[in-house]
């Protein structure tokens, strides 16, 4: 029975080795920075959507400030 588990482990390793690897970022941006930028961009899109439907002026102002802060943070990433 142990032999079967060993065979499975070897097969898994071979499968992982043959799996396509994610392409490196052409701009050379580190993975963590790219992931952070993506999260910020998603947050920004969400806030824009919420701003489009907001009706109370105070809420709209708060969302505009949040957009501004996100824009600054995205710009600081490069």
C-alpha atoms as a PDB file:
ATOM      1  CA  UNK A   1       0.000   0.000   0.000  1.00  0.00           C
ATOM      2  CA  UNK A   2       2.855   2.408   0.746  1.00  0.00           C
ATOM      3  CA  UNK A   3       4.113   1.827  -2.765  1.00  0.00           C
ATOM      4  CA  UNK A   4       0.872   3.275  -4.146  1.00  0.00           C
ATOM      5  CA  UNK A   5       1.275   6.427  -2.083  1.00  0.00           C
ATOM      6  CA  UNK A   6       4.844   6.821  -3.331  1.00  0.00           C
ATOM      7  CA  UNK A   7       3.676   6.451  -6.906  1.00  0.00           C
ATOM      8  CA  UNK A   8       0.985   9.047  -6.332  1.00  0.00           C
ATOM      9  CA  UNK A   9       3.507  11.483  -4.837  1.00  0.00           C
ATOM     10  CA  UNK A  10       5.821  11.046  -7.821  1.00  0.00           C
ATOM     11  CA  UNK A  11       2.923  11.496 -10.224  1.00  0.00           C
ATOM     12  CA  UNK A  12       1.883  14.686  -8.408  1.00  0.00           C
ATOM     13  CA  UNK A  13       5.426  16.050  -8.594  1.00  0.00           C
ATOM     14  CA  UNK A  14       5.610  15.321 -12.309  1.00  0.00           C
ATOM     15  CA  UNK A  15       2.242  16.973 -12.841  1.00  0.00           C
ATOM     16  CA  UNK A  16       3.351  20.078 -10.963  1.00  0.00           C
ATOM     17  CA  UNK A  17       6.555  20.265 -12.973  1.00  0.00           C
ATOM     18  CA  UNK A  18       4.616  20.055 -16.242  1.00  0.00           C
ATOM     19  CA  UNK A  19       2.019  22.639 -15.188  1.00  0.00           C
ATOM     20  CA  UNK A  20       2.354  26.021 -16.865  1.00  0.00           C
ATOM     21  CA  UNK A  21       3.940  28.665 -14.709  1.00  0.00           C
ATOM     22  CA  UNK A  22       2.478  32.156 -14.501  1.00  0.00           C
ATOM     23  CA  UNK A  23       4.245  34.483 -16.868  1.00  0.00           C
ATOM     24  CA  UNK A  24       6.543  36.976 -15.196  1.00  0.00           C
ATOM     25  CA  UNK A  25       5.344  40.533 -15.223  1.00  0.00           C
ATOM     26  CA  UNK A  26       6.859  42.247 -18.263  1.00  0.00           C
ATOM     27  CA  UNK A  27       7.494  45.379 -16.226  1.00  0.00           C
ATOM     28  CA  UNK A  28       9.311  43.398 -13.561  1.00  0.00           C
ATOM     29  CA  UNK A  29       6.835  44.387 -10.853  1.00  0.00           C
ATOM     30  CA  UNK A  30       7.103  42.122  -7.792  1.00  0.00           C
ATOM     31  CA  UNK A  31       4.198  39.784  -7.183  1.00  0.00           C
ATOM     32  CA  UNK A  32       3.278  41.397  -3.867  1.00  0.00           C
ATOM     33  CA  UNK A  33       3.172  44.853  -5.414  1.00  0.00           C
ATOM     34  CA  UNK A  34       1.097  43.591  -8.324  1.00  0.00           C
ATOM     35  CA  UNK A  35      -1.351  41.907  -5.922  1.00  0.00           C
ATOM     36  CA  UNK A  36      -1.590  45.056  -3.814  1.00  0.00           C
ATOM     37  CA  UNK A  37      -2.217  47.189  -6.912  1.00  0.00           C
ATOM     38  CA  UNK A  38      -4.957  44.776  -8.014  1.00  0.00           C
ATOM     39  CA  UNK A  39      -6.674  44.942  -4.598  1.00  0.00           C
ATOM     40  CA  UNK A  40      -6.538  48.739  -4.661  1.00  0.00           C
ATOM     41  CA  UNK A  41      -7.967  48.836  -8.185  1.00  0.00           C
ATOM     42  CA  UNK A  42     -10.807  46.521  -7.177  1.00  0.00           C
ATOM     43  CA  UNK A  43     -11.537  48.682  -4.144  1.00  0.00           C
ATOM     44  CA  UNK A  44     -11.534  51.748  -6.346  1.00  0.00           C
ATOM     45  CA  UNK A  45     -14.006  50.166  -8.788  1.00  0.00           C
ATOM     46  CA  UNK A  46     -16.285  49.224  -5.887  1.00  0.00           C
ATOM     47  CA  UNK A  47     -16.224  52.747  -4.482  1.00  0.00           C
ATOM     48  CA  UNK A  48     -16.944  54.236  -7.926  1.00  0.00           C
ATOM     49  CA  UNK A  49     -19.955  51.935  -8.235  1.00  0.00           C
ATOM     50  CA  UNK A  50     -21.187  52.943  -4.778  1.00  0.00           C
ATOM     51  CA  UNK A  51     -20.635  56.630  -5.562  1.00  0.00           C
ATOM     52  CA  UNK A  52     -22.783  56.332  -8.679  1.00  0.00           C
ATOM     53  CA  UNK A  53     -25.731  55.127  -6.590  1.00  0.00           C
ATOM     54  CA  UNK A  54     -25.187  57.245  -3.451  1.00  0.00           C
ATOM     55  CA  UNK A  55     -27.913  59.762  -2.705  1.00  0.00           C
ATOM     56  CA  UNK A  56     -26.841  61.464   0.509  1.00  0.00           C
ATOM     57  CA  UNK A  57     -24.303  64.249  -0.092  1.00  0.00           C
ATOM     58  CA  UNK A  58     -22.268  63.415   3.029  1.00  0.00           C
ATOM     59  CA  UNK A  59     -21.943  59.813   1.859  1.00  0.00           C
ATOM     60  CA  UNK A  60     -20.891  60.970  -1.619  1.00  0.00           C
ATOM     61  CA  UNK A  61     -18.207  63.209  -0.093  1.00  0.00           C
ATOM     62  CA  UNK A  62     -16.884  60.339   2.007  1.00  0.00           C
ATOM     63  CA  UNK A  63     -16.687  58.142  -1.098  1.00  0.00           C
ATOM     64  CA  UNK A  64     -14.902  60.890  -3.058  1.00  0.00           C
ATOM     65  CA  UNK A  65     -12.308  61.155  -0.293  1.00  0.00           C
ATOM     66  CA  UNK A  66     -11.864  57.386  -0.345  1.00  0.00           C
ATOM     67  CA  UNK A  67     -11.341  57.510  -4.123  1.00  0.00           C
ATOM     68  CA  UNK A  68      -8.758  60.246  -3.703  1.00  0.00           C
ATOM     69  CA  UNK A  69      -6.891  58.249  -1.064  1.00  0.00           C
ATOM     70  CA  UNK A  70      -6.921  55.138  -3.252  1.00  0.00           C
ATOM     71  CA  UNK A  71      -5.665  57.131  -6.236  1.00  0.00           C
ATOM     72  CA  UNK A  72      -2.768  58.447  -4.166  1.00  0.00           C
ATOM     73  CA  UNK A  73      -1.915  54.972  -2.940  1.00  0.00           C
ATOM     74  CA  UNK A  74      -2.057  53.505  -6.445  1.00  0.00           C
ATOM     75  CA  UNK A  75       0.157  56.347  -7.725  1.00  0.00           C
ATOM     76  CA  UNK A  76       2.682  55.694  -4.949  1.00  0.00           C
ATOM     77  CA  UNK A  77       3.105  52.124  -6.209  1.00  0.00           C
ATOM     78  CA  UNK A  78       4.522  53.453  -9.440  1.00  0.00           C
END
